[in-house]
Protein backbone atom coordinates (compact mmCIF):
# COMPACT_ATOMS: atom_id res chain seq x y z
CA MET A 1 -5.83 -3.92 -37.97
CA SER A 2 -2.39 -2.56 -37.19
CA ASN A 3 -1.84 1.15 -37.20
CA PRO A 4 0.01 2.27 -40.36
CA ASP A 5 2.19 4.80 -38.55
CA PRO A 6 5.55 3.16 -37.74
CA ALA A 7 5.96 5.50 -34.76
CA TRP A 8 3.20 3.54 -33.05
CA SER A 9 4.85 0.16 -33.44
CA LEU A 10 6.64 -1.55 -30.58
CA GLY A 11 9.80 -2.23 -32.56
CA SER A 12 12.03 -4.60 -30.67
CA ASP A 13 10.13 -4.44 -27.39
CA ASP A 14 9.49 -8.15 -26.99
CA ASP A 15 7.96 -7.89 -23.54
CA PHE A 16 4.83 -6.26 -24.86
CA VAL A 17 2.45 -7.44 -27.51
CA LEU A 18 0.37 -4.64 -28.98
CA GLU A 19 -2.83 -6.49 -29.75
CA ASP A 20 -5.33 -5.13 -32.23
CA ASP A 21 -8.79 -4.73 -30.81
CA ASP A 22 -10.98 -5.77 -33.71
CA THR A 23 -14.17 -5.85 -31.66
CA PHE A 24 -15.00 -2.15 -31.48
CA GLY A 25 -18.02 -1.33 -33.62
CA VAL A 26 -18.66 -5.00 -34.38
CA GLY A 27 -21.70 -6.96 -33.23
CA ASP A 28 -25.40 -6.56 -32.98
CA LEU A 29 -27.23 -4.73 -30.27
CA VAL A 30 -28.23 -6.73 -27.24
CA GLY A 31 -31.86 -7.69 -27.72
CA GLY A 32 -31.87 -6.31 -31.27
CA GLU A 33 -33.27 -2.93 -30.25
CA LEU A 34 -32.13 0.01 -28.19
CA PRO A 35 -33.16 -0.21 -24.54
CA PRO A 36 -35.78 2.27 -23.37
CA PHE A 37 -33.39 4.92 -22.08
CA ASP A 38 -34.77 8.02 -20.51
CA GLU A 39 -32.73 10.83 -22.02
CA ALA A 40 -34.21 13.51 -19.85
CA GLU A 41 -32.96 12.11 -16.58
CA ALA A 42 -30.22 9.67 -15.69
CA PRO A 43 -31.34 6.68 -13.64
CA LEU A 44 -30.55 6.95 -9.96
CA ILE A 45 -28.99 4.21 -7.92
CA ALA A 46 -31.33 2.52 -5.48
CA ASN A 47 -31.94 4.45 -2.25
CA GLU A 48 -30.09 7.46 -3.63
CA SER A 49 -31.59 10.92 -3.81
CA ALA A 50 -31.13 13.21 -6.78
CA PRO A 51 -27.80 15.11 -6.76
CA LEU A 52 -27.93 18.65 -5.56
CA PRO A 53 -26.81 21.39 -7.94
CA GLY A 54 -23.37 22.67 -7.20
CA ALA A 55 -19.80 22.84 -8.33
CA ASP A 56 -19.47 19.07 -8.63
CA PRO A 57 -22.80 17.62 -9.81
CA TYR A 58 -21.20 14.51 -11.30
CA GLY A 59 -19.28 13.48 -8.21
CA LEU A 60 -15.82 13.82 -9.72
CA THR A 61 -14.41 14.63 -6.30
CA ALA A 62 -15.48 12.06 -3.76
CA PRO A 63 -15.93 13.23 -0.13
CA ALA A 64 -13.51 11.82 2.40
CA LYS A 65 -16.27 9.76 4.04
CA ARG A 66 -18.77 8.82 1.40
CA ARG A 67 -21.31 6.09 2.01
CA ALA A 68 -20.56 3.05 -0.12
CA ARG A 69 -22.85 2.90 -3.13
CA ARG A 70 -24.52 -0.25 -4.33
CA ALA A 71 -23.45 0.15 -7.91
CA ALA A 72 -24.86 -1.87 -10.76
CA MET A 73 -21.30 -2.54 -12.02
CA PRO A 74 -18.17 -3.35 -10.03
CA ILE A 75 -16.18 -0.34 -8.93
CA MET A 76 -12.37 -0.51 -8.95
CA PRO A 77 -10.75 -0.34 -5.51
CA ARG A 78 -9.51 3.09 -4.59
CA GLU A 79 -6.25 1.93 -3.04
CA ASP A 80 -4.39 -1.32 -3.34
CA THR A 81 -0.78 -0.54 -2.68
CA ARG A 82 0.36 -4.10 -3.33
CA SER A 83 -0.92 -4.25 -6.91
CA THR A 84 1.68 -4.28 -9.67
CA GLU A 85 0.76 -2.61 -12.96
CA GLN A 86 2.94 -3.30 -15.95
CA PRO A 87 3.96 -0.16 -17.89
CA VAL A 88 2.17 0.41 -21.16
CA PRO A 89 4.10 -0.13 -24.41
CA ARG A 90 4.91 2.59 -26.91
CA ILE A 91 1.41 3.61 -27.95
CA THR A 92 -0.53 6.74 -28.84
CA ILE A 93 -3.40 7.78 -26.59
CA HIS A 94 -5.90 10.45 -27.59
CA ALA A 95 -8.51 11.76 -25.15
CA VAL A 96 -11.62 13.78 -26.04
CA CYS A 97 -13.24 15.28 -22.97
CA ASP A 98 -16.50 17.01 -22.14
CA ARG A 99 -15.40 17.80 -18.57
CA HIS A 100 -12.28 19.72 -17.69
CA GLU A 101 -11.91 17.63 -14.51
CA ILE A 102 -11.44 14.47 -16.58
CA SER A 103 -9.13 16.36 -18.93
CA ASP A 104 -6.96 17.30 -15.94
CA ILE A 105 -6.83 13.65 -14.80
CA VAL A 106 -5.74 12.45 -18.24
CA SER A 107 -3.14 15.20 -18.40
CA GLY A 108 -1.87 14.23 -14.94
CA ILE A 109 -1.34 10.55 -15.69
CA SER A 110 1.05 11.41 -18.51
CA ALA A 111 3.67 12.09 -15.83
CA ASP A 112 3.29 8.64 -14.27
CA ARG A 113 6.15 6.15 -14.69
CA ARG A 114 3.82 3.50 -16.09
CA MET A 115 2.72 5.82 -18.88
CA ALA A 116 6.23 7.01 -19.80
CA ARG A 117 6.27 5.25 -23.18
CA ALA A 118 2.85 6.51 -24.25
CA GLU A 119 2.26 9.64 -26.32
CA ILE A 120 -0.84 11.33 -24.89
CA THR A 121 -2.86 14.11 -26.52
CA ILE A 122 -6.06 15.74 -25.26
CA GLU A 123 -8.76 17.88 -26.83
CA PRO A 124 -12.24 19.05 -25.72
CA GLY A 125 -15.45 18.06 -27.40
CA GLY A 126 -16.27 14.47 -26.42
CA ILE A 127 -17.54 11.99 -29.02
CA GLU A 128 -18.35 14.69 -31.58
CA ALA A 129 -14.73 15.87 -31.59
CA ALA A 130 -13.53 12.29 -32.06
CA VAL A 131 -15.87 11.70 -35.02
CA THR A 132 -14.69 14.90 -36.71
CA ARG A 133 -10.98 14.30 -36.12
CA PHE A 134 -10.72 10.64 -37.08
CA ALA A 135 -12.83 11.00 -40.19
CA ALA A 136 -9.80 12.79 -41.65
CA GLN A 137 -6.74 11.29 -39.90
CA ALA A 138 -5.31 8.05 -38.56
CA SER A 139 -6.70 6.66 -35.33
CA PRO A 140 -4.66 6.32 -32.13
CA ASN A 141 -3.94 3.01 -30.44
CA LEU A 142 -6.21 4.00 -27.54
CA LEU A 143 -9.08 6.48 -27.54
CA ILE A 144 -10.39 7.79 -24.21
CA ILE A 145 -13.85 9.37 -24.49
CA ASP A 146 -15.26 11.50 -21.68
CA THR A 147 -18.90 12.25 -22.40
CA LEU A 148 -22.02 13.53 -20.68
CA MET A 149 -24.28 11.93 -23.29
CA GLN A 150 -26.71 9.23 -22.21
CA GLY A 151 -29.05 6.69 -23.70
CA GLN A 152 -29.85 6.62 -27.40
CA GLN A 153 -27.91 9.79 -28.12
CA MET A 154 -24.69 8.27 -26.81
CA LEU A 155 -25.18 4.97 -28.64
CA HIS A 156 -26.05 6.74 -31.89
CA ASN A 157 -22.87 8.84 -31.75
CA LEU A 158 -20.82 5.81 -30.77
CA ASP A 159 -22.07 4.05 -33.90
CA ARG A 160 -21.02 7.09 -35.95
CA LEU A 161 -17.57 6.91 -34.38
CA ALA A 162 -17.27 3.22 -35.25
CA GLN A 163 -17.67 4.11 -38.92
CA VAL A 164 -14.64 6.43 -38.99
CA ILE A 165 -12.25 4.86 -36.48
CA GLU A 166 -9.70 2.30 -37.60
CA GLU A 167 -10.07 -1.32 -36.70
CA GLY A 168 -7.68 -2.19 -33.87
CA THR A 169 -8.24 0.96 -31.80
CA LYS A 170 -9.13 0.32 -28.18
CA VAL A 171 -11.83 2.56 -26.66
CA VAL A 172 -12.31 3.55 -23.01
CA ILE A 173 -15.40 5.59 -22.12
CA VAL A 174 -15.73 7.77 -19.02
CA GLY A 175 -19.47 8.29 -18.70
CA ALA A 176 -21.93 10.05 -16.44
CA VAL A 177 -24.40 7.27 -15.61
CA ASN A 178 -23.85 3.95 -13.89
CA ASP A 179 -26.30 1.65 -15.66
CA ILE A 180 -25.90 -2.05 -16.38
CA ALA A 181 -28.00 -1.98 -19.57
CA LEU A 182 -25.83 0.77 -21.02
CA PHE A 183 -22.71 -1.11 -19.98
CA ARG A 184 -23.90 -4.19 -21.89
CA GLU A 185 -24.56 -2.11 -25.00
CA PHE A 186 -21.00 -0.79 -24.85
CA MET A 187 -19.56 -4.27 -24.49
CA ALA A 188 -21.65 -5.46 -27.45
CA ARG A 189 -20.08 -2.69 -29.53
CA GLY A 190 -16.54 -3.67 -28.54
CA VAL A 191 -15.81 -0.90 -26.03
CA SER A 192 -12.82 -1.98 -23.93
CA GLU A 193 -13.77 -0.33 -20.62
CA TYR A 194 -16.51 1.88 -19.19
CA ILE A 195 -15.78 3.99 -16.10
CA VAL A 196 -18.11 6.17 -14.05
CA PRO A 197 -16.88 8.94 -11.71
CA PRO A 198 -15.75 9.44 -9.03
CA ILE A 199 -12.39 8.29 -10.37
CA GLN A 200 -8.83 8.94 -9.32
CA PRO A 201 -5.79 9.15 -11.62
CA LEU A 202 -4.60 5.76 -10.37
CA ASP A 203 -7.93 4.20 -11.46
CA LEU A 204 -7.38 5.39 -15.02
CA ILE A 205 -3.73 4.29 -14.98
CA ARG A 206 -4.71 0.78 -13.90
CA THR A 207 -7.42 0.63 -16.54
CA VAL A 208 -5.04 1.60 -19.35
CA CYS A 209 -2.24 -0.69 -18.12
CA GLY A 210 -4.65 -3.59 -17.89
CA LEU A 211 -5.51 -3.26 -21.57
CA TYR A 212 -1.91 -3.87 -22.63
CA VAL A 213 -0.84 -6.80 -20.46
CA ASN A 214 1.05 -9.30 -22.59
CA PRO A 215 -1.21 -12.39 -22.69
CA ASP A 216 1.82 -14.62 -23.25
CA LYS A 217 3.62 -13.15 -20.22
CA PRO A 218 0.92 -11.73 -17.94
CA PHE A 219 2.96 -12.17 -14.76
CA ALA A 220 5.20 -9.38 -13.47
CA GLY A 221 6.84 -9.43 -10.05
CA ARG A 222 7.11 -6.50 -7.69
CA VAL A 223 10.40 -4.57 -7.89
CA ILE A 224 11.88 -3.19 -4.65
CA SER A 225 14.84 -0.80 -4.94
CA VAL A 226 17.15 -0.27 -1.97
CA ILE A 227 19.65 2.59 -1.97
CA GLY A 228 21.80 4.22 0.69
CA ALA A 229 21.53 7.92 1.45
CA ARG A 230 25.31 7.87 1.81
CA GLY A 231 28.07 5.32 1.53
CA GLY A 232 28.85 2.83 4.29
CA ILE A 233 25.45 3.06 5.95
CA GLY A 234 24.54 -0.62 5.47
CA ALA A 235 22.12 -0.39 2.55
CA SER A 236 23.48 -3.55 0.90
CA THR A 237 23.25 -5.49 4.15
CA ILE A 238 19.63 -4.44 4.58
CA ALA A 239 18.81 -5.26 0.94
CA HIS A 240 20.28 -8.76 1.29
CA ASN A 241 18.53 -9.43 4.59
CA LEU A 242 15.27 -8.08 3.20
CA ALA A 243 15.43 -10.42 0.20
CA TRP A 244 16.18 -13.35 2.50
CA SER A 245 13.30 -12.42 4.82
CA ILE A 246 10.83 -12.19 1.92
CA ALA A 247 11.90 -15.64 0.75
CA GLU A 248 12.32 -17.49 4.04
CA ARG A 249 10.10 -15.66 6.52
CA GLN A 250 7.29 -14.67 4.14
CA GLU A 251 7.78 -17.89 2.15
CA SER A 252 7.57 -16.13 -1.20
CA SER A 253 10.03 -16.60 -4.06
CA ALA A 254 12.42 -13.66 -4.37
CA THR A 255 15.37 -12.68 -6.53
CA LEU A 256 18.21 -10.41 -5.38
CA LEU A 257 20.06 -8.33 -7.97
CA ASP A 258 23.41 -6.91 -6.85
CA LEU A 259 23.86 -3.92 -9.15
CA ASP A 260 27.03 -2.56 -7.55
CA LEU A 261 29.12 -4.21 -10.26
CA SER A 262 32.59 -3.26 -8.98
CA PHE A 263 32.12 -3.50 -5.21
CA GLY A 264 29.00 -5.61 -4.66
CA THR A 265 28.98 -7.89 -1.59
CA ALA A 266 26.03 -10.23 -2.19
CA ALA A 267 28.29 -13.18 -3.02
CA LEU A 268 30.34 -12.58 0.15
CA ASP A 269 27.33 -12.10 2.41
CA PHE A 270 25.79 -15.37 1.22
CA ASN A 271 29.10 -17.25 1.09
CA GLN A 272 28.87 -17.89 -2.65
CA ASP A 273 31.45 -17.92 -5.46
CA PRO A 274 29.39 -18.14 -8.66
CA PRO A 275 31.19 -18.55 -11.99
CA GLN A 276 28.89 -16.03 -13.68
CA SER A 277 27.41 -12.71 -12.60
CA ILE A 278 24.79 -10.15 -13.46
CA ALA A 279 27.36 -8.42 -15.67
CA ASP A 280 26.99 -11.27 -18.16
CA ALA A 281 23.31 -10.40 -18.51
CA LEU A 282 23.85 -6.64 -18.60
CA MET A 283 26.45 -6.88 -21.37
CA ALA A 284 24.10 -8.94 -23.56
CA PRO A 285 20.55 -7.93 -22.55
CA ASP A 286 19.06 -9.13 -25.84
CA ARG A 287 20.12 -12.69 -25.04
CA VAL A 288 18.45 -12.73 -21.63
CA ASP A 289 15.65 -15.28 -21.57
CA ASP A 290 14.55 -17.97 -19.11
CA VAL A 291 17.36 -20.31 -20.13
CA PHE A 292 20.02 -17.58 -19.88
CA LEU A 293 18.74 -16.48 -16.45
CA GLU A 294 18.79 -20.06 -15.23
CA ARG A 295 22.47 -20.27 -16.16
CA VAL A 296 23.65 -17.02 -14.53
CA THR A 297 21.43 -17.17 -11.44
CA THR A 298 22.75 -18.48 -8.14
CA LYS A 299 20.21 -20.45 -6.12
CA GLN A 300 20.77 -19.66 -2.44
CA THR A 301 17.74 -21.45 -1.00
CA GLN A 302 14.66 -23.11 -2.41
CA ARG A 303 12.93 -19.70 -2.62
CA LEU A 304 15.83 -17.23 -2.87
CA GLN A 305 17.98 -16.79 -5.95
CA MET A 306 20.57 -14.14 -6.80
CA LEU A 307 22.37 -12.44 -9.62
CA THR A 308 25.59 -11.39 -7.93
CA ALA A 309 28.03 -8.65 -8.92
CA PRO A 310 31.39 -9.56 -10.49
CA ALA A 311 33.10 -7.35 -7.86
CA THR A 312 36.19 -6.83 -9.95
CA LEU A 313 38.29 -3.81 -10.93
CA GLU A 314 39.75 -5.45 -14.02
CA ARG A 315 37.31 -3.56 -16.22
CA GLU A 316 35.09 -0.49 -16.07
CA PHE A 317 31.42 -1.22 -16.59
CA GLU A 318 30.10 1.55 -18.83
CA LEU A 319 26.80 0.07 -19.96
CA ASP A 320 23.80 1.40 -21.78
CA PRO A 321 21.18 2.50 -19.19
CA GLN A 322 18.57 0.59 -21.17
CA SER A 323 20.46 -2.64 -20.44
CA TYR A 324 19.56 -2.37 -16.76
CA GLU A 325 15.92 -1.75 -17.60
CA MET A 326 15.78 -4.74 -19.95
CA VAL A 327 17.41 -7.17 -17.52
CA ILE A 328 15.25 -6.08 -14.58
CA GLU A 329 12.15 -6.41 -16.76
CA ARG A 330 13.14 -9.96 -17.76
CA VAL A 331 13.87 -10.99 -14.16
CA ARG A 332 10.55 -9.68 -12.83
CA ARG A 333 8.79 -12.03 -15.27
CA THR A 334 10.21 -14.98 -13.34
CA SER A 335 9.98 -13.93 -9.68
CA PRO A 336 7.15 -12.52 -7.50
CA PHE A 337 9.58 -10.16 -5.75
CA VAL A 338 12.79 -8.63 -7.10
CA VAL A 339 15.06 -6.77 -4.65
CA LEU A 340 17.59 -4.39 -6.22
CA ASP A 341 20.76 -3.55 -4.31
CA LEU A 342 21.68 -0.19 -5.87
CA PRO A 343 25.13 1.40 -5.51
CA HIS A 344 25.53 4.76 -3.82
CA THR A 345 26.07 6.66 -7.05
CA TRP A 346 23.85 9.03 -8.98
CA THR A 347 23.71 8.20 -12.67
CA SER A 348 20.93 8.14 -15.22
CA TRP A 349 20.35 4.41 -14.82
CA VAL A 350 20.24 4.59 -11.00
CA LYS A 351 17.74 7.44 -11.18
CA ASN A 352 15.58 5.65 -13.76
CA THR A 353 15.69 2.41 -11.77
CA LEU A 354 14.50 4.19 -8.63
CA LEU A 355 11.72 5.93 -10.53
CA SER A 356 10.48 2.76 -12.21
CA ALA A 357 10.51 0.53 -9.11
CA ASP A 358 7.25 -0.42 -7.42
CA ASP A 359 8.77 0.33 -4.00
CA ALA A 360 11.77 2.46 -3.06
CA ILE A 361 13.63 2.09 0.23
CA ILE A 362 16.18 4.66 1.36
CA VAL A 363 18.64 3.57 4.04
CA ALA A 364 19.90 6.49 6.09
CA GLY A 365 21.91 7.10 9.23
CA PRO A 366 20.97 9.48 12.06
CA ASP A 367 23.30 12.20 10.77
CA LEU A 368 23.05 15.46 8.84
CA ALA A 369 24.46 14.14 5.56
CA SER A 370 21.95 11.28 5.51
CA LEU A 371 19.11 13.62 6.41
CA ARG A 372 19.96 16.04 3.61
CA ASN A 373 20.41 13.32 0.98
CA THR A 374 17.31 11.42 2.05
CA LYS A 375 15.24 14.58 1.86
CA ASN A 376 16.53 15.26 -1.67
CA ILE A 377 15.74 11.73 -2.86
CA ILE A 378 12.26 11.76 -1.33
CA ASP A 379 11.43 15.14 -2.88
CA LEU A 380 12.57 13.88 -6.29
CA LEU A 381 10.61 10.62 -6.10
CA LYS A 382 7.45 12.32 -4.86
CA ALA A 383 7.59 14.88 -7.66
CA MET A 384 8.21 12.31 -10.40
CA ARG A 385 6.04 9.50 -8.96
CA PRO A 386 2.89 11.39 -7.94
CA TYR A 387 0.61 8.32 -7.95
CA ASP A 388 2.96 5.87 -6.19
CA SER A 389 3.43 5.18 -2.52
CA PRO A 390 6.09 7.47 -1.02
CA PRO A 391 9.53 5.92 -0.51
CA ALA A 392 10.18 4.18 2.80
CA VAL A 393 13.06 5.28 5.00
CA VAL A 394 15.04 2.87 7.18
CA LEU A 395 17.36 4.29 9.83
CA SER A 396 20.52 2.20 10.12
CA MET A 397 23.41 2.01 12.59
CA VAL A 398 21.42 3.74 15.32
CA GLY A 399 23.15 4.05 18.69
CA VAL A 400 26.87 4.13 17.86
CA PRO A 401 28.68 4.74 21.19
CA LYS A 402 29.99 8.27 21.76
CA ARG A 403 28.66 9.50 18.41
CA PRO A 404 26.27 12.46 18.40
CA GLU A 405 23.08 11.47 16.58
CA ILE A 406 19.89 13.11 15.46
CA PRO A 407 17.06 11.68 17.61
CA PHE A 408 14.45 9.58 15.80
CA LYS A 409 11.68 12.09 16.48
CA ASP A 410 13.74 15.05 15.23
CA PHE A 411 14.88 13.13 12.15
CA ALA A 412 11.28 12.27 11.26
CA GLU A 413 10.11 15.84 11.85
CA ALA A 414 12.84 17.34 9.66
CA LEU A 415 12.24 14.72 6.97
CA GLY A 416 8.47 15.14 6.97
CA ALA A 417 8.03 11.36 7.12
CA GLU A 418 8.56 8.81 9.87
CA PRO A 419 11.10 6.05 9.14
CA VAL A 420 9.51 2.61 8.90
CA ALA A 421 12.29 0.92 10.87
CA ALA A 422 15.33 1.71 13.01
CA ILE A 423 18.15 -0.83 12.85
CA PRO A 424 20.40 -0.67 15.94
CA PHE A 425 24.18 -0.57 15.75
CA ASP A 426 25.16 -4.15 16.64
CA PRO A 427 28.66 -4.95 15.33
CA GLN A 428 28.77 -8.32 17.06
CA LEU A 429 25.55 -9.58 15.44
CA PHE A 430 26.31 -8.27 11.95
CA GLY A 431 29.95 -9.37 12.20
CA MET A 432 28.95 -12.92 13.13
CA ALA A 433 26.45 -13.06 10.27
CA ALA A 434 29.01 -11.75 7.78
CA ASN A 435 31.73 -14.16 8.90
CA ASN A 436 29.32 -17.12 8.67
CA GLY A 437 27.92 -16.09 5.30
CA GLN A 438 24.46 -15.92 6.85
CA MET A 439 21.66 -13.43 7.32
CA VAL A 440 20.69 -11.86 10.64
CA GLY A 441 17.46 -13.87 10.67
CA GLU A 442 19.49 -17.09 10.60
CA VAL A 443 21.96 -16.09 13.30
CA ALA A 444 19.58 -14.36 15.72
CA PRO A 445 15.94 -14.62 14.57
CA GLN A 446 14.64 -13.19 17.86
CA SER A 447 16.83 -10.08 17.76
CA LYS A 448 15.31 -6.63 17.33
CA THR A 449 17.05 -6.27 13.97
CA ALA A 450 15.64 -9.52 12.59
CA ILE A 451 12.15 -8.69 13.83
CA ALA A 452 12.31 -5.21 12.28
CA LEU A 453 13.46 -6.62 8.92
CA ASP A 454 10.75 -9.29 8.99
CA ALA A 455 8.13 -6.60 9.68
CA LEU A 456 9.42 -4.55 6.74
CA ALA A 457 9.30 -7.62 4.48
CA ALA A 458 5.74 -8.31 5.60
CA THR A 459 4.73 -4.75 4.77
CA LEU A 460 6.24 -4.95 1.29
CA THR A 461 4.65 -8.30 0.51
CA GLY A 462 1.29 -7.43 2.05
CA ARG A 463 1.43 -10.50 4.27
CA LYS A 464 1.32 -11.02 8.00
CA PRO A 465 4.69 -11.22 9.76
CA VAL A 466 5.83 -14.79 10.29
CA GLU A 467 6.89 -15.71 13.80
CA ALA A 468 10.61 -16.37 13.82
CA LYS A 469 11.95 -19.64 15.20
CA LYS A 470 14.67 -19.70 17.80
CA SER A 471 18.08 -20.40 16.31
CA SER A 472 19.99 -23.55 17.21
CA ILE A 473 23.71 -24.03 17.56
CA THR A 474 23.85 -25.49 14.03
CA ASP A 475 22.27 -22.31 12.64
CA LYS A 476 24.97 -20.19 14.23
CA ILE A 477 27.81 -22.48 13.10
CA PRO A 478 27.01 -23.57 9.53
CA PHE A 479 29.65 -26.34 9.20
CA LEU A 480 27.91 -28.34 11.98
CA LYS A 481 25.01 -28.95 9.55
CA ARG A 482 27.23 -31.22 7.44
């Protein structure tokens, strides 16, 4: 049943449906009787020797090169950088832990962007602590139990917990034994998930996020934010070409959002003059649905669509930061990849958009100002996104004649990270593309710039780079196609 505390309700958050889990503590035991657990010793996995006593007897910290175990239950992948987890809704999460290592992991995930809406509390004591606490107070939306109990003792205490916990509470158990019979008993009692160490914070984040995927809207595209380390460095040009490459070279549907409302150039770069813009959505985010998006979206190609900026100075756009979040969230429900062209400003909504994106790309030039600003942005994102991939850096306008530049190697060494691409200074190529309202991959698909952008798009999509076709005279002069 629903939790009585109004602070735990989702309110007007229509993108998430907080489903009650009415299966915990319901159902008969598999086989009618408890399985013959051996409480004295946990069952060992086949061909595994008994663990040696030491500081980490339960394998909470996996060695760098550990032999793959043949586990009785599937183990979540340790790293899948292309996965997209939807943030959890506004819920309460309470964790009761027997091991301080698990307590530290739960405490650490509270800083993750996907858990930002959740209220997380932690206490020691395992199942016993949970039984005592929730016999006298309301239950949370999600209960995480870390326990060293095994066999009949664990099942007996789990049955005690089911008598005091409210219907609708989801339960995740972090146990100490990997046993299929025990796993089946948990599922029969309505436990949502059972995890066995070694686990990483990202494993727990994905488990929790997976419990709150909206069944009516399970799809969520990957959001890629592109921002310039300084103005005039070509960040918008790279964002537009990247979106085009994802759509046309990687053959995956993509949506480009030009968020530089006053000076955005997406409409110019793609030779479009749409009657409506992304400002229409941002000024009325509550009205944004599939029909509304269809009306304000400009379809550039079969796979690429855009929400362009109004690019007008007739009004000042002072919008609620939450409007940006709501519109981006709606758009990602309709497109596998969403590329955000962010303005070179530092406001609360720009910062929050960078932090909440699945991938962040910083476009910098080989100069001191870019190096300083890029370093500051990277340090911020790493500190506030500890379980995400680090932001990617693209060097732009490399090789301007007679301009002193920081060499690539020195730039990477000072930054502490190697840029993923270096875009050469080529005014003739970019000028021709801009004048034709085309992308670099259309004008010169075999150029170093086009190849570098295609490789970056392939990395972001997790696909193999597509071999570019040679451009014809009609590609370079669009009106000849008529």
